[in-house]
C-alpha cells in the first residue's frame, strides 16, 4: 500500500484540529463527512482510553505517549505563601520519535519560507 500524501496550505487556525483532520479525510481519502469525523473521534478515544488504563501508546514514526506518576511534593500558595502539600498524580507525557525530530529539524527554513506541512498515512 502506498503512503497517501496530505498537504496543508495555510491553516485557518494556528493549530491542527480534530475537525480539520476529519476534513482532510473527507477531501483527500474520500470518506463521507460522518465517517471522517467518526474515524478521528475513534482514534483519539482509543488513545485516551489506553492512557487512562496505563497502557503506553506507540505510534511508529511519530512518538510515544506514556503515563508517568509524579511523586508528592511540597507546594506553595503564590498569593499567601502558605505551604500546601501536592499529592501524587498521574501525568501524560509525549516523546517524539527520532524520525519526527529529524523531520522537524529539517523543516527549519529561512525567513519567508513556505507554511506547508506534509502528512503521510499508510505503510512506508
PDB file of N, CA and C in Angstrom:
ATOM      1  N   UNK A   1       0.846  -1.174   0.000  1.00  0.00           N
ATOM      2  CA  UNK A   1       0.000   0.000   0.000  1.00  0.00           C
ATOM      3  C   UNK A   1       0.889   1.233   0.000  1.00  0.00           C
ATOM      4  N   UNK A   2       0.662   2.158  -0.909  1.00  0.00           N
ATOM      5  CA  UNK A   2       1.453   3.379  -0.975  1.00  0.00           C
ATOM      6  C   UNK A   2       0.970   4.358   0.074  1.00  0.00           C
ATOM      7  N   UNK A   3       1.900   5.172   0.551  1.00  0.00           N
ATOM      8  CA  UNK A   3       1.544   6.199   1.536  1.00  0.00           C
ATOM      9  C   UNK A   3       0.767   7.308   0.847  1.00  0.00           C
ATOM     10  N   UNK A   4      -0.283   7.767   1.491  1.00  0.00           N
ATOM     11  CA  UNK A   4      -1.065   8.892   0.963  1.00  0.00           C
ATOM     12  C   UNK A   4      -0.427  10.177   1.467  1.00  0.00           C
ATOM     13  N   UNK A   5      -0.227  11.132   0.590  1.00  0.00           N
ATOM     14  CA  UNK A   5       0.382  12.403   0.972  1.00  0.00           C
ATOM     15  C   UNK A   5      -0.700  13.451   1.178  1.00  0.00           C
ATOM     16  N   UNK A   6      -0.611  14.172   2.277  1.00  0.00           N
ATOM     17  CA  UNK A   6      -1.535  15.243   2.597  1.00  0.00           C
ATOM     18  C   UNK A   6      -0.754  16.539   2.642  1.00  0.00           C
ATOM     19  N   UNK A   7      -1.285  17.567   2.036  1.00  0.00           N
ATOM     20  CA  UNK A   7      -0.646  18.870   2.090  1.00  0.00           C
ATOM     21  C   UNK A   7      -1.597  19.857   2.741  1.00  0.00           C
ATOM     22  N   UNK A   8      -1.086  20.541   3.750  1.00  0.00           N
ATOM     23  CA  UNK A   8      -1.872  21.560   4.441  1.00  0.00           C
ATOM     24  C   UNK A   8      -1.283  22.903   4.052  1.00  0.00           C
ATOM     25  N   UNK A   9      -2.021  23.671   3.307  1.00  0.00           N
ATOM     26  CA  UNK A   9      -1.534  25.010   2.945  1.00  0.00           C
ATOM     27  C   UNK A   9      -1.645  25.874   4.199  1.00  0.00           C
ATOM     28  N   UNK A  10      -2.265  26.993   4.164  1.00  0.00           N
ATOM     29  CA  UNK A  10      -2.401  27.866   5.333  1.00  0.00           C
ATOM     30  C   UNK A  10      -3.605  27.414   6.157  1.00  0.00           C
ATOM     31  N   UNK A  11      -3.363  27.036   7.391  1.00  0.00           N
ATOM     32  CA  UNK A  11      -4.457  26.661   8.281  1.00  0.00           C
ATOM     33  C   UNK A  11      -5.178  27.923   8.745  1.00  0.00           C
ATOM     34  N   UNK A  12      -6.503  27.827   8.894  1.00  0.00           N
ATOM     35  CA  UNK A  12      -7.275  28.980   9.376  1.00  0.00           C
ATOM     36  C   UNK A  12      -6.961  29.268  10.839  1.00  0.00           C
ATOM     37  N   UNK A  13      -6.665  28.220  11.599  1.00  0.00           N
ATOM     38  CA  UNK A  13      -6.296  28.396  12.999  1.00  0.00           C
ATOM     39  C   UNK A  13      -4.818  28.044  13.134  1.00  0.00           C
ATOM     40  N   UNK A  14      -4.157  28.508  14.189  1.00  0.00           N
ATOM     41  CA  UNK A  14      -2.734  28.226  14.330  1.00  0.00           C
ATOM     42  C   UNK A  14      -2.438  26.778  14.723  1.00  0.00           C
ATOM     43  N   UNK A  15      -3.461  25.963  14.901  1.00  0.00           N
ATOM     44  CA  UNK A  15      -3.261  24.574  15.302  1.00  0.00           C
ATOM     45  C   UNK A  15      -4.082  23.644  14.418  1.00  0.00           C
ATOM     46  N   UNK A  16      -3.602  22.431  14.247  1.00  0.00           N
ATOM     47  CA  UNK A  16      -4.341  21.402  13.520  1.00  0.00           C
ATOM     48  C   UNK A  16      -5.390  20.840  14.478  1.00  0.00           C
ATOM     49  N   UNK A  17      -6.655  20.873  14.104  1.00  0.00           N
ATOM     50  CA  UNK A  17      -7.742  20.435  14.979  1.00  0.00           C
ATOM     51  C   UNK A  17      -8.324  19.104  14.509  1.00  0.00           C
ATOM     52  N   UNK A  18      -9.138  18.491  15.386  1.00  0.00           N
ATOM     53  CA  UNK A  18      -9.819  17.260  15.001  1.00  0.00           C
ATOM     54  C   UNK A  18     -10.748  17.505  13.817  1.00  0.00           C
ATOM     55  N   UNK A  19     -11.412  18.652  13.804  1.00  0.00           N
ATOM     56  CA  UNK A  19     -12.306  18.990  12.687  1.00  0.00           C
ATOM     57  C   UNK A  19     -11.520  19.096  11.389  1.00  0.00           C
ATOM     58  N   UNK A  20     -10.330  19.669  11.452  1.00  0.00           N
ATOM     59  CA  UNK A  20      -9.508  19.796  10.253  1.00  0.00           C
ATOM     60  C   UNK A  20      -9.023  18.420   9.784  1.00  0.00           C
ATOM     61  N   UNK A  21      -8.669  17.547  10.718  1.00  0.00           N
ATOM     62  CA  UNK A  21      -8.275  16.178  10.350  1.00  0.00           C
ATOM     63  C   UNK A  21      -9.430  15.461   9.646  1.00  0.00           C
ATOM     64  N   UNK A  22     -10.639  15.622  10.172  1.00  0.00           N
ATOM     65  CA  UNK A  22     -11.811  14.994   9.557  1.00  0.00           C
ATOM     66  C   UNK A  22     -12.033  15.550   8.148  1.00  0.00           C
ATOM     67  N   UNK A  23     -11.849  16.851   7.970  1.00  0.00           N
ATOM     68  CA  UNK A  23     -11.986  17.457   6.640  1.00  0.00           C
ATOM     69  C   UNK A  23     -10.953  16.894   5.665  1.00  0.00           C
ATOM     70  N   UNK A  24      -9.723  16.674   6.151  1.00  0.00           N
ATOM     71  CA  UNK A  24      -8.683  16.096   5.291  1.00  0.00           C
ATOM     72  C   UNK A  24      -9.053  14.677   4.849  1.00  0.00           C
ATOM     73  N   UNK A  25      -9.588  13.878   5.778  1.00  0.00           N
ATOM     74  CA  UNK A  25     -10.026  12.528   5.418  1.00  0.00           C
ATOM     75  C   UNK A  25     -11.142  12.579   4.379  1.00  0.00           C
ATOM     76  N   UNK A  26     -12.046  13.520   4.546  1.00  0.00           N
ATOM     77  CA  UNK A  26     -13.152  13.692   3.597  1.00  0.00           C
ATOM     78  C   UNK A  26     -12.628  14.107   2.219  1.00  0.00           C
ATOM     79  N   UNK A  27     -11.780  15.126   2.180  1.00  0.00           N
ATOM     80  CA  UNK A  27     -11.313  15.686   0.911  1.00  0.00           C
ATOM     81  C   UNK A  27     -10.310  14.798   0.184  1.00  0.00           C
ATOM     82  N   UNK A  28      -9.384  14.182   0.915  1.00  0.00           N
ATOM     83  CA  UNK A  28      -8.270  13.520   0.259  1.00  0.00           C
ATOM     84  C   UNK A  28      -8.347  12.001   0.244  1.00  0.00           C
ATOM     85  N   UNK A  29      -9.171  11.418   1.105  1.00  0.00           N
ATOM     86  CA  UNK A  29      -9.328   9.959   1.109  1.00  0.00           C
ATOM     87  C   UNK A  29     -10.644   9.562   0.455  1.00  0.00           C
ATOM     88  N   UNK A  30     -11.654  10.416   0.620  1.00  0.00           N
ATOM     89  CA  UNK A  30     -12.936  10.126   0.007  1.00  0.00           C
ATOM     90  C   UNK A  30     -13.978   9.570   0.948  1.00  0.00           C
ATOM     91  N   UNK A  31     -13.672   9.533   2.241  1.00  0.00           N
ATOM     92  CA  UNK A  31     -14.694   9.113   3.193  1.00  0.00           C
ATOM     93  C   UNK A  31     -15.763  10.196   3.254  1.00  0.00           C
ATOM     94  N   UNK A  32     -17.005   9.803   3.628  1.00  0.00           N
ATOM     95  CA  UNK A  32     -18.003  10.859   3.781  1.00  0.00           C
ATOM     96  C   UNK A  32     -17.721  11.609   5.083  1.00  0.00           C
ATOM     97  N   UNK A  33     -18.354  12.758   5.254  1.00  0.00           N
ATOM     98  CA  UNK A  33     -18.040  13.625   6.405  1.00  0.00           C
ATOM     99  C   UNK A  33     -18.292  12.929   7.736  1.00  0.00           C
ATOM    100  N   UNK A  34     -19.382  12.183   7.827  1.00  0.00           N
ATOM    101  CA  UNK A  34     -19.708  11.493   9.079  1.00  0.00           C
ATOM    102  C   UNK A  34     -18.659  10.430   9.394  1.00  0.00           C
ATOM    103  N   UNK A  35     -18.271   9.626   8.390  1.00  0.00           N
ATOM    104  CA  UNK A  35     -17.247   8.595   8.593  1.00  0.00           C
ATOM    105  C   UNK A  35     -15.916   9.232   9.003  1.00  0.00           C
ATOM    106  N   UNK A  36     -15.578  10.341   8.378  1.00  0.00           N
ATOM    107  CA  UNK A  36     -14.326  11.040   8.681  1.00  0.00           C
ATOM    108  C   UNK A  36     -14.310  11.496  10.134  1.00  0.00           C
ATOM    109  N   UNK A  37     -15.400  12.139  10.553  1.00  0.00           N
ATOM    110  CA  UNK A  37     -15.496  12.625  11.932  1.00  0.00           C
ATOM    111  C   UNK A  37     -15.443  11.450  12.917  1.00  0.00           C
ATOM    112  N   UNK A  38     -16.187  10.388  12.623  1.00  0.00           N
ATOM    113  CA  UNK A  38     -16.218   9.212  13.494  1.00  0.00           C
ATOM    114  C   UNK A  38     -14.846   8.551  13.596  1.00  0.00           C
ATOM    115  N   UNK A  39     -14.108   8.497  12.486  1.00  0.00           N
ATOM    116  CA  UNK A  39     -12.780   7.870  12.496  1.00  0.00           C
ATOM    117  C   UNK A  39     -11.811   8.667  13.362  1.00  0.00           C
ATOM    118  N   UNK A  40     -11.828   9.976  13.235  1.00  0.00           N
ATOM    119  CA  UNK A  40     -10.949  10.828  14.043  1.00  0.00           C
ATOM    120  C   UNK A  40     -11.316  10.687  15.522  1.00  0.00           C
ATOM    121  N   UNK A  41     -12.604  10.743  15.841  1.00  0.00           N
ATOM    122  CA  UNK A  41     -13.057  10.597  17.227  1.00  0.00           C
ATOM    123  C   UNK A  41     -12.654   9.236  17.791  1.00  0.00           C
ATOM    124  N   UNK A  42     -12.840   8.175  17.018  1.00  0.00           N
ATOM    125  CA  UNK A  42     -12.499   6.831  17.479  1.00  0.00           C
ATOM    126  C   UNK A  42     -11.006   6.710  17.767  1.00  0.00           C
ATOM    127  N   UNK A  43     -10.180   7.312  16.913  1.00  0.00           N
ATOM    128  CA  UNK A  43      -8.734   7.265  17.114  1.00  0.00           C
ATOM    129  C   UNK A  43      -8.354   7.909  18.445  1.00  0.00           C
ATOM    130  N   UNK A  44      -8.856   9.122  18.681  1.00  0.00           N
ATOM    131  CA  UNK A  44      -8.483   9.826  19.907  1.00  0.00           C
ATOM    132  C   UNK A  44      -9.100   9.181  21.148  1.00  0.00           C
ATOM    133  N   UNK A  45     -10.288   8.596  21.024  1.00  0.00           N
ATOM    134  CA  UNK A  45     -10.888   7.868  22.148  1.00  0.00           C
ATOM    135  C   UNK A  45     -10.039   6.651  22.505  1.00  0.00           C
ATOM    136  N   UNK A  46      -9.525   5.957  21.494  1.00  0.00           N
ATOM    137  CA  UNK A  46      -8.677   4.790  21.732  1.00  0.00           C
ATOM    138  C   UNK A  46      -7.370   5.192  22.411  1.00  0.00           C
ATOM    139  N   UNK A  47      -6.753   6.268  21.948  1.00  0.00           N
ATOM    140  CA  UNK A  47      -5.517   6.750  22.565  1.00  0.00           C
ATOM    141  C   UNK A  47      -5.785   7.142  24.020  1.00  0.00           C
ATOM    142  N   UNK A  48      -6.839   7.927  24.256  1.00  0.00           N
ATOM    143  CA  UNK A  48      -7.155   8.385  25.607  1.00  0.00           C
ATOM    144  C   UNK A  48      -7.480   7.217  26.541  1.00  0.00           C
ATOM    145  N   UNK A  49      -8.301   6.275  26.085  1.00  0.00           N
ATOM    146  CA  UNK A  49      -8.672   5.158  26.960  1.00  0.00           C
ATOM    147  C   UNK A  49      -7.468   4.273  27.270  1.00  0.00           C
ATOM    148  N   UNK A  50      -6.568   4.108  26.311  1.00  0.00           N
ATOM    149  CA  UNK A  50      -5.346   3.336  26.561  1.00  0.00           C
ATOM    150  C   UNK A  50      -4.494   4.007  27.629  1.00  0.00           C
ATOM    151  N   UNK A  51      -4.343   5.316  27.538  1.00  0.00           N
ATOM    152  CA  UNK A  51      -3.550   6.046  28.530  1.00  0.00           C
ATOM    153  C   UNK A  51      -4.207   6.004  29.903  1.00  0.00           C
ATOM    154  N   UNK A  52      -5.529   6.135  29.949  1.00  0.00           N
ATOM    155  CA  UNK A  52      -6.251   6.079  31.224  1.00  0.00           C
ATOM    156  C   UNK A  52      -6.037   4.728  31.893  1.00  0.00           C
ATOM    157  N   UNK A  53      -5.988   3.651  31.089  1.00  0.00           N
ATOM    158  CA  UNK A  53      -5.755   2.305  31.624  1.00  0.00           C
ATOM    159  C   UNK A  53      -4.289   2.082  32.000  1.00  0.00           C
ATOM    160  N   UNK A  54      -3.412   3.015  31.638  1.00  0.00           N
ATOM    161  CA  UNK A  54      -1.995   2.874  31.958  1.00  0.00           C
ATOM    162  C   UNK A  54      -1.182   2.223  30.861  1.00  0.00           C
ATOM    163  N   UNK A  55      -1.775   2.030  29.679  1.00  0.00           N
ATOM    164  CA  UNK A  55      -1.085   1.414  28.554  1.00  0.00           C
ATOM    165  C   UNK A  55      -0.385   2.481  27.729  1.00  0.00           C
ATOM    166  N   UNK A  56       0.892   2.255  27.421  1.00  0.00           N
ATOM    167  CA  UNK A  56       1.626   3.187  26.566  1.00  0.00           C
ATOM    168  C   UNK A  56       1.053   3.146  25.158  1.00  0.00           C
ATOM    169  N   UNK A  57       1.122   4.275  24.458  1.00  0.00           N
ATOM    170  CA  UNK A  57       0.682   4.363  23.069  1.00  0.00           C
ATOM    171  C   UNK A  57       1.909   4.701  22.236  1.00  0.00           C
ATOM    172  N   UNK A  58       2.279   3.795  21.331  1.00  0.00           N
ATOM    173  CA  UNK A  58       3.461   3.977  20.493  1.00  0.00           C
ATOM    174  C   UNK A  58       3.022   4.058  19.049  1.00  0.00           C
ATOM    175  N   UNK A  59       3.292   5.189  18.413  1.00  0.00           N
ATOM    176  CA  UNK A  59       2.925   5.397  17.014  1.00  0.00           C
ATOM    177  C   UNK A  59       4.217   5.499  16.222  1.00  0.00           C
ATOM    178  N   UNK A  60       4.490   4.467  15.446  1.00  0.00           N
ATOM    179  CA  UNK A  60       5.738   4.374  14.694  1.00  0.00           C
ATOM    180  C   UNK A  60       5.958   5.600  13.824  1.00  0.00           C
ATOM    181  N   UNK A  61       7.147   6.167  13.896  1.00  0.00           N
ATOM    182  CA  UNK A  61       7.500   7.327  13.089  1.00  0.00           C
ATOM    183  C   UNK A  61       6.962   8.633  13.634  1.00  0.00           C
ATOM    184  N   UNK A  62       6.208   8.579  14.732  1.00  0.00           N
ATOM    185  CA  UNK A  62       5.630   9.790  15.317  1.00  0.00           C
ATOM    186  C   UNK A  62       6.130   9.986  16.741  1.00  0.00           C
ATOM    187  N   UNK A  63       5.819   9.038  17.627  1.00  0.00           N
ATOM    188  CA  UNK A  63       6.297   9.148  19.001  1.00  0.00           C
ATOM    189  C   UNK A  63       5.531   8.269  19.958  1.00  0.00           C
ATOM    190  N   UNK A  64       5.840   8.422  21.248  1.00  0.00           N
ATOM    191  CA  UNK A  64       5.243   7.615  22.300  1.00  0.00           C
ATOM    192  C   UNK A  64       4.530   8.491  23.319  1.00  0.00           C
ATOM    193  N   UNK A  65       3.328   8.074  23.706  1.00  0.00           N
ATOM    194  CA  UNK A  65       2.596   8.695  24.795  1.00  0.00           C
ATOM    195  C   UNK A  65       2.688   7.732  25.968  1.00  0.00           C
ATOM    196  N   UNK A  66       3.030   8.250  27.145  1.00  0.00           N
ATOM    197  CA  UNK A  66       3.150   7.407  28.322  1.00  0.00           C
ATOM    198  C   UNK A  66       2.519   8.107  29.517  1.00  0.00           C
ATOM    199  N   UNK A  67       2.136   7.303  30.508  1.00  0.00           N
ATOM    200  CA  UNK A  67       1.645   7.830  31.772  1.00  0.00           C
ATOM    201  C   UNK A  67       2.783   7.722  32.772  1.00  0.00           C
ATOM    202  N   UNK A  68       3.037   8.819  33.454  1.00  0.00           N
ATOM    203  CA  UNK A  68       4.081   8.862  34.471  1.00  0.00           C
ATOM    204  C   UNK A  68       3.439   9.266  35.788  1.00  0.00           C
ATOM    205  N   UNK A  69       3.877   8.646  36.872  1.00  0.00           N
ATOM    206  CA  UNK A  69       3.370   9.000  38.197  1.00  0.00           C
ATOM    207  C   UNK A  69       4.359   9.970  38.830  1.00  0.00           C
ATOM    208  N   UNK A  70       3.868  11.161  39.155  1.00  0.00           N
ATOM    209  CA  UNK A  70       4.711  12.164  39.800  1.00  0.00           C
ATOM    210  C   UNK A  70       4.562  12.024  41.311  1.00  0.00           C
ATOM    211  N   UNK A  71       5.665  12.069  41.996  1.00  0.00           N
ATOM    212  CA  UNK A  71       5.690  11.902  43.448  1.00  0.00           C
ATOM    213  C   UNK A  71       5.073  13.123  44.134  1.00  0.00           C
ATOM    214  N   UNK A  72       4.553  12.905  45.340  1.00  0.00           N
ATOM    215  CA  UNK A  72       4.032  14.054  46.084  1.00  0.00           C
ATOM    216  C   UNK A  72       5.177  15.024  46.396  1.00  0.00           C
ATOM    217  N   UNK A  73       4.828  16.304  46.512  1.00  0.00           N
ATOM    218  CA  UNK A  73       5.854  17.316  46.796  1.00  0.00           C
ATOM    219  C   UNK A  73       5.223  18.486  47.534  1.00  0.00           C
ATOM    220  N   UNK A  74       6.051  19.252  48.191  1.00  0.00           N
ATOM    221  CA  UNK A  74       5.505  20.437  48.853  1.00  0.00           C
ATOM    222  C   UNK A  74       5.255  21.540  47.826  1.00  0.00           C
ATOM    223  N   UNK A  75       4.161  22.249  47.988  1.00  0.00           N
ATOM    224  CA  UNK A  75       3.841  23.365  47.111  1.00  0.00           C
ATOM    225  C   UNK A  75       3.618  24.611  47.944  1.00  0.00           C
ATOM    226  N   UNK A  76       3.330  25.710  47.281  1.00  0.00           N
ATOM    227  CA  UNK A  76       3.123  26.962  47.989  1.00  0.00           C
ATOM    228  C   UNK A  76       2.049  27.760  47.279  1.00  0.00           C
ATOM    229  N   UNK A  77       1.111  28.314  48.041  1.00  0.00           N
ATOM    230  CA  UNK A  77       0.092  29.195  47.503  1.00  0.00           C
ATOM    231  C   UNK A  77       0.795  30.506  47.131  1.00  0.00           C
ATOM    232  N   UNK A  78       0.800  30.868  45.838  1.00  0.00           N
ATOM    233  CA  UNK A  78       1.542  32.068  45.441  1.00  0.00           C
ATOM    234  C   UNK A  78       0.973  33.366  46.017  1.00  0.00           C
ATOM    235  N   UNK A  79      -0.293  33.365  46.339  1.00  0.00           N
ATOM    236  CA  UNK A  79      -0.914  34.587  46.864  1.00  0.00           C
ATOM    237  C   UNK A  79      -0.575  34.804  48.343  1.00  0.00           C
ATOM    238  N   UNK A  80      -0.655  33.714  49.127  1.00  0.00           N
ATOM    239  CA  UNK A  80      -0.459  33.859  50.576  1.00  0.00           C
ATOM    240  C   UNK A  80       0.902  33.370  51.048  1.00  0.00           C
ATOM    241  N   UNK A  81       1.574  32.561  50.233  1.00  0.00           N
ATOM    242  CA  UNK A  81       2.855  31.996  50.648  1.00  0.00           C
ATOM    243  C   UNK A  81       2.700  30.776  51.540  1.00  0.00           C
ATOM    244  N   UNK A  82       1.457  30.370  51.799  1.00  0.00           N
ATOM    245  CA  UNK A  82       1.180  29.221  52.668  1.00  0.00           C
ATOM    246  C   UNK A  82       1.639  27.927  51.993  1.00  0.00           C
ATOM    247  N   UNK A  83       2.302  27.057  52.782  1.00  0.00           N
ATOM    248  CA  UNK A  83       2.746  25.755  52.278  1.00  0.00           C
ATOM    249  C   UNK A  83       1.533  24.848  52.103  1.00  0.00           C
ATOM    250  N   UNK A  84       1.452  24.200  50.929  1.00  0.00           N
ATOM    251  CA  UNK A  84       0.346  23.293  50.627  1.00  0.00           C
ATOM    252  C   UNK A  84       0.939  22.021  50.030  1.00  0.00           C
ATOM    253  N   UNK A  85       0.585  20.858  50.586  1.00  0.00           N
ATOM    254  CA  UNK A  85       1.112  19.620  50.001  1.00  0.00           C
ATOM    255  C   UNK A  85       0.427  19.309  48.666  1.00  0.00           C
ATOM    256  N   UNK A  86       1.210  18.899  47.689  1.00  0.00           N
ATOM    257  CA  UNK A  86       0.681  18.476  46.391  1.00  0.00           C
ATOM    258  C   UNK A  86       0.830  16.962  46.348  1.00  0.00           C
ATOM    259  N   UNK A  87      -0.287  16.271  46.190  1.00  0.00           N
ATOM    260  CA  UNK A  87      -0.286  14.812  46.239  1.00  0.00           C
ATOM    261  C   UNK A  87       0.279  14.161  44.984  1.00  0.00           C
ATOM    262  N   UNK A  88       0.444  12.866  45.069  1.00  0.00           N
ATOM    263  CA  UNK A  88       0.891  12.072  43.929  1.00  0.00           C
ATOM    264  C   UNK A  88      -0.129  12.213  42.810  1.00  0.00           C
ATOM    265  N   UNK A  89       0.349  12.273  41.558  1.00  0.00           N
ATOM    266  CA  UNK A  89      -0.589  12.393  40.435  1.00  0.00           C
ATOM    267  C   UNK A  89      -0.013  11.739  39.200  1.00  0.00           C
ATOM    268  N   UNK A  90      -0.912  11.396  38.299  1.00  0.00           N
ATOM    269  CA  UNK A  90      -0.530  10.790  37.018  1.00  0.00           C
ATOM    270  C   UNK A  90      -0.570  11.870  35.946  1.00  0.00           C
ATOM    271  N   UNK A  91       0.466  11.897  35.111  1.00  0.00           N
ATOM    272  CA  UNK A  91       0.516  12.855  34.011  1.00  0.00           C
ATOM    273  C   UNK A  91       0.847  12.116  32.716  1.00  0.00           C
ATOM    274  N   UNK A  92       0.337  12.632  31.617  1.00  0.00           N
ATOM    275  CA  UNK A  92       0.642  12.071  30.303  1.00  0.00           C
ATOM    276  C   UNK A  92       1.874  12.786  29.756  1.00  0.00           C
ATOM    277  N   UNK A  93       2.781  12.019  29.175  1.00  0.00           N
ATOM    278  CA  UNK A  93       3.963  12.606  28.548  1.00  0.00           C
ATOM    279  C   UNK A  93       4.028  12.146  27.100  1.00  0.00           C
ATOM    280  N   UNK A  94       4.663  12.957  26.267  1.00  0.00           N
ATOM    281  CA  UNK A  94       4.870  12.607  24.861  1.00  0.00           C
ATOM    282  C   UNK A  94       6.342  12.753  24.540  1.00  0.00           C
ATOM    283  N   UNK A  95       6.902  11.745  23.885  1.00  0.00           N
ATOM    284  CA  UNK A  95       8.282  11.794  23.423  1.00  0.00           C
ATOM    285  C   UNK A  95       8.265  11.567  21.921  1.00  0.00           C
ATOM    286  N   UNK A  96       8.712  12.552  21.178  1.00  0.00           N
ATOM    287  CA  UNK A  96       8.747  12.450  19.720  1.00  0.00           C
ATOM    288  C   UNK A  96       9.766  11.394  19.298  1.00  0.00           C
ATOM    289  N   UNK A  97       9.445  10.683  18.210  1.00  0.00           N
ATOM    290  CA  UNK A  97      10.379   9.685  17.686  1.00  0.00           C
ATOM    291  C   UNK A  97      11.567  10.390  17.045  1.00  0.00           C
ATOM    292  N   UNK A  98      12.642   9.640  16.854  1.00  0.00           N
ATOM    293  CA  UNK A  98      13.835  10.198  16.201  1.00  0.00           C
ATOM    294  C   UNK A  98      13.483  10.679  14.794  1.00  0.00           C
ATOM    295  N   UNK A  99      12.614   9.937  14.111  1.00  0.00           N
ATOM    296  CA  UNK A  99      12.214  10.308  12.752  1.00  0.00           C
ATOM    297  C   UNK A  99      11.470  11.646  12.746  1.00  0.00           C
ATOM    298  N   UNK A 100      10.547  11.841  13.685  1.00  0.00           N
ATOM    299  CA  UNK A 100       9.804  13.094  13.762  1.00  0.00           C
ATOM    300  C   UNK A 100      10.737  14.248  14.120  1.00  0.00           C
ATOM    301  N   UNK A 101      11.630  14.021  15.089  1.00  0.00           N
ATOM    302  CA  UNK A 101      12.587  15.067  15.464  1.00  0.00           C
ATOM    303  C   UNK A 101      13.434  15.476  14.256  1.00  0.00           C
ATOM    304  N   UNK A 102      13.862  14.490  13.492  1.00  0.00           N
ATOM    305  CA  UNK A 102      14.672  14.748  12.299  1.00  0.00           C
ATOM    306  C   UNK A 102      13.881  15.569  11.279  1.00  0.00           C
ATOM    307  N   UNK A 103      12.614  15.209  11.067  1.00  0.00           N
ATOM    308  CA  UNK A 103      11.775  15.944  10.120  1.00  0.00           C
ATOM    309  C   UNK A 103      11.532  17.372  10.589  1.00  0.00           C
ATOM    310  N   UNK A 104      11.337  17.551  11.889  1.00  0.00           N
ATOM    311  CA  UNK A 104      11.116  18.896  12.424  1.00  0.00           C
ATOM    312  C   UNK A 104      12.370  19.740  12.229  1.00  0.00           C
ATOM    313  N   UNK A 105      13.524  19.189  12.540  1.00  0.00           N
ATOM    314  CA  UNK A 105      14.775  19.926  12.374  1.00  0.00           C
ATOM    315  C   UNK A 105      15.052  20.236  10.912  1.00  0.00           C
ATOM    316  N   UNK A 106      14.690  19.313  10.027  1.00  0.00           N
ATOM    317  CA  UNK A 106      14.899  19.510   8.594  1.00  0.00           C
ATOM    318  C   UNK A 106      13.943  20.512   7.991  1.00  0.00           C
ATOM    319  N   UNK A 107      12.851  20.818   8.698  1.00  0.00           N
ATOM    320  CA  UNK A 107      11.849  21.730   8.151  1.00  0.00           C
ATOM    321  C   UNK A 107      12.131  23.185   8.488  1.00  0.00           C
ATOM    322  N   UNK A 108      13.213  23.446   9.233  1.00  0.00           N
ATOM    323  CA  UNK A 108      13.561  24.822   9.570  1.00  0.00           C
ATOM    324  C   UNK A 108      14.046  25.506   8.302  1.00  0.00           C
ATOM    325  N   UNK A 109      13.324  26.567   7.922  1.00  0.00           N
ATOM    326  CA  UNK A 109      13.653  27.277   6.691  1.00  0.00           C
ATOM    327  C   UNK A 109      13.975  28.725   6.999  1.00  0.00           C
ATOM    328  N   UNK A 110      14.698  29.393   6.105  1.00  0.00           N
ATOM    329  CA  UNK A 110      14.975  30.815   6.302  1.00  0.00           C
ATOM    330  C   UNK A 110      13.684  31.623   6.284  1.00  0.00           C
ATOM    331  N   UNK A 111      13.737  32.869   6.756  1.00  0.00           N
ATOM    332  CA  UNK A 111      12.571  33.749   6.773  1.00  0.00           C
ATOM    333  C   UNK A 111      11.925  33.774   5.393  1.00  0.00           C
ATOM    334  N   UNK A 112      10.593  33.829   5.369  1.00  0.00           N
ATOM    335  CA  UNK A 112       9.862  33.881   4.103  1.00  0.00           C
ATOM    336  C   UNK A 112       9.636  32.515   3.491  1.00  0.00           C
ATOM    337  N   UNK A 113       9.947  31.441   4.237  1.00  0.00           N
ATOM    338  CA  UNK A 113       9.733  30.089   3.724  1.00  0.00           C
ATOM    339  C   UNK A 113       8.254  29.760   3.647  1.00  0.00           C
ATOM    340  N   UNK A 114       7.938  28.626   3.065  1.00  0.00           N
ATOM    341  CA  UNK A 114       6.550  28.211   2.894  1.00  0.00           C
ATOM    342  C   UNK A 114       5.956  27.723   4.205  1.00  0.00           C
ATOM    343  N   UNK A 115       4.647  27.844   4.359  1.00  0.00           N
ATOM    344  CA  UNK A 115       3.972  27.351   5.558  1.00  0.00           C
ATOM    345  C   UNK A 115       3.248  26.050   5.237  1.00  0.00           C
ATOM    346  N   UNK A 116       3.876  25.189   4.463  1.00  0.00           N
ATOM    347  CA  UNK A 116       3.265  23.946   4.020  1.00  0.00           C
ATOM    348  C   UNK A 116       3.737  22.796   4.905  1.00  0.00           C
ATOM    349  N   UNK A 117       2.811  21.925   5.290  1.00  0.00           N
ATOM    350  CA  UNK A 117       3.116  20.765   6.111  1.00  0.00           C
ATOM    351  C   UNK A 117       2.649  19.540   5.356  1.00  0.00           C
ATOM    352  N   UNK A 118       3.488  18.512   5.286  1.00  0.00           N
ATOM    353  CA  UNK A 118       3.076  17.289   4.600  1.00  0.00           C
ATOM    354  C   UNK A 118       2.831  16.191   5.614  1.00  0.00           C
ATOM    355  N   UNK A 119       1.756  15.434   5.405  1.00  0.00           N
ATOM    356  CA  UNK A 119       1.395  14.321   6.260  1.00  0.00           C
ATOM    357  C   UNK A 119       1.424  13.063   5.427  1.00  0.00           C
ATOM    358  N   UNK A 120       1.874  11.981   6.029  1.00  0.00           N
ATOM    359  CA  UNK A 120       1.935  10.709   5.334  1.00  0.00           C
ATOM    360  C   UNK A 120       1.181   9.668   6.149  1.00  0.00           C
ATOM    361  N   UNK A 121       0.224   8.996   5.516  1.00  0.00           N
ATOM    362  CA  UNK A 121      -0.514   7.920   6.165  1.00  0.00           C
ATOM    363  C   UNK A 121      -0.252   6.631   5.407  1.00  0.00           C
ATOM    364  N   UNK A 122      -0.208   5.528   6.125  1.00  0.00           N
ATOM    365  CA  UNK A 122      -0.066   4.240   5.467  1.00  0.00           C
ATOM    366  C   UNK A 122       1.329   3.676   5.649  1.00  0.00           C
ATOM    367  N   UNK A 123       1.589   2.569   4.986  1.00  0.00           N
ATOM    368  CA  UNK A 123       2.879   1.882   5.077  1.00  0.00           C
ATOM    369  C   UNK A 123       3.939   2.669   4.354  1.00  0.00           C
ATOM    370  N   UNK A 124       5.131   2.637   4.895  1.00  0.00           N
ATOM    371  CA  UNK A 124       6.236   3.340   4.260  1.00  0.00           C
ATOM    372  C   UNK A 124       7.254   2.359   3.768  1.00  0.00           C
TER     373      UNK A 124
END
